[in-house]
Amino acid sequence: MSKTMQTQAYFENIQEQIKQDLSKAKRSIVIAVAWFTDKELFGLICRLANQGINVQLLLMNDDINNQCGIAYELLQDAGGKVWKIGNGNNDTLMHNKFCVIDQQVVINGSYNWTNKAKQNHESITVIQDAELAYQFAIEFEQLKKRYFGESVEQTVLDYSKVCFRLETLKNAILLEDEDDINYQVNKLRKGISATHENEQIGAINDILNFTIRKNYGESMRLINEFTTRFRSITVYVDSEIMAMHLELKVLELQISSLEDERMEIEKLLFSFEIRHNQELGDLISKLLYLRKEKLNKEAQTDTSKKAEAEEAKKDYQSYNESLDEAKNEKIQELTEDELKEIKAKYRSASKLCHPDVVDEKYKEMAEQTFRELQKAYETNDLERVSEILSNLEKGFFTNKSEKENEKKELIATLNQLRTKRDELEKALVNLKTSETYKTVSEISDWDAYFENIKRQLEEEIGGMKAII
């Protein structure tokens, strides 16, 4: 029934990515953003509302939105709903930036849905996870209730009641009480409707269909699986704590995705460096040696060349030392399928042991595990990455979002993770704008590139030999 959580961070072409995800909506879209001035995105959600998608928008009632030229009532004319928070005097600030699609996919990040944001260094994380999407959908309804007195709508199914009803059905099966079994099946049927249709409703229907066919063993298995998945999202009573836990979980996912993105770039640069040393290292060493010898010879008759000759000697020695170390680095050759496998396993493992998101008492052990994981991934050691993931899946570490409960602790942890996320975003921007990354990322054919550089170095070596 369940799917592995999928997360992906985006730093470029964010508007296009949001458009792609919105266009996949089949049933519902809820958007809570402080500022929404992007006319392209607004036009898209209006078209989707016209197609029968349940679109709801929550934004600030302030000058930025009111003077941007968007007629928000067009969304309501198309069948959607718009709520503006505040009285226009900036006395109230709703600073959320999230979107939930079909109660399955969450879009969250620093990106405002504005025209100006397209020129900023911003990011979003797209998370495909029904439990998390459910929490965000509830938070959307809580925002409406807080500011407008709206009750939680029936479009958001109360999974706590569903789980209770399923547990009752399970007890009826255990007691072999057919009348009660039929009663509970009918109550569950009435409790869900077409407006709720999604993957989770499909799972409930599977339970009911197996029960009707008296395949009670499969019914019990699916009930246990379903209630276990959703029990964790119904334990919070304090809405403020629930919202904090929600942000905490998202921050953990964002940090993990940002780290994954950074690791991909660093792995690319590491692979390039290893290939560079293998293909060109000896030629560069030879060229530096000839340059050293040439300058040393010139310095014997021209004292002004002594400093340059000494510098050339140091360059030659330093390069050879680093080359010897680099030659010990090995990257395993993997097939395309194995490369996909190691990437997927690395991402799953990194989410389980990232030192910034695990409980504090596991931090030191997590740091060591995370370093080992990164090294194994960097060198394409699929066996080691698989081993680390297998160990982590046994539940070695507990995430902060699953542990913290006191508001003070939550606030402190949230501030730490926000800072970490912001630092990672800046580091990624710096990495992506570096000359090294630009050079490497623009090389489409490594074989042709190294062959060309090798030819140039050989010509330069030949020329240097002729001079000496």
Foldseek 3Di string as FASTA:
>chain_A
DDDDKDKAKDFAPVVVVVLVVQVPFDAEKEWEAAAALQPVVLVSLLVVLLVVHAYEYEYAQECRRVVSPDDNCSSVVSVYYYHHFDDHPPPDGDHFGWMAGLLFKIKGWDQGNHPVSNPDRIMIMIIGHNLLSLLVLVVSQVVCCVRPVDHRDLLRADVVVVLVLLVQLLVCVVVVPVVSNVVSLVVNVVSDDPSNDDPLVVLVVVLSVCVVVVVSVVNVVSSVVSCVVNVLLPPDDPVVLSVLLSLLVVLLSLLLNLVLVVLVLVLLLLVLVLVCLVLCVVLVLLLLVLVLVVLVVVCVVPVVSVVVSVVSVVVSVVSVVVSVVSVVQAADDDDPVLLVVLSVLLSLLCSLQVLLFWDVVCNVVSVVLNVQSSSCNSRSVSVSSVVSSVVSVVPPTHTPSSPDDDPVVSVVSSVSSVVSSVVSSVVVVCSCPDPSSVVSVPDPDPVVVSVVVNVVSVVSSVVSVVVD
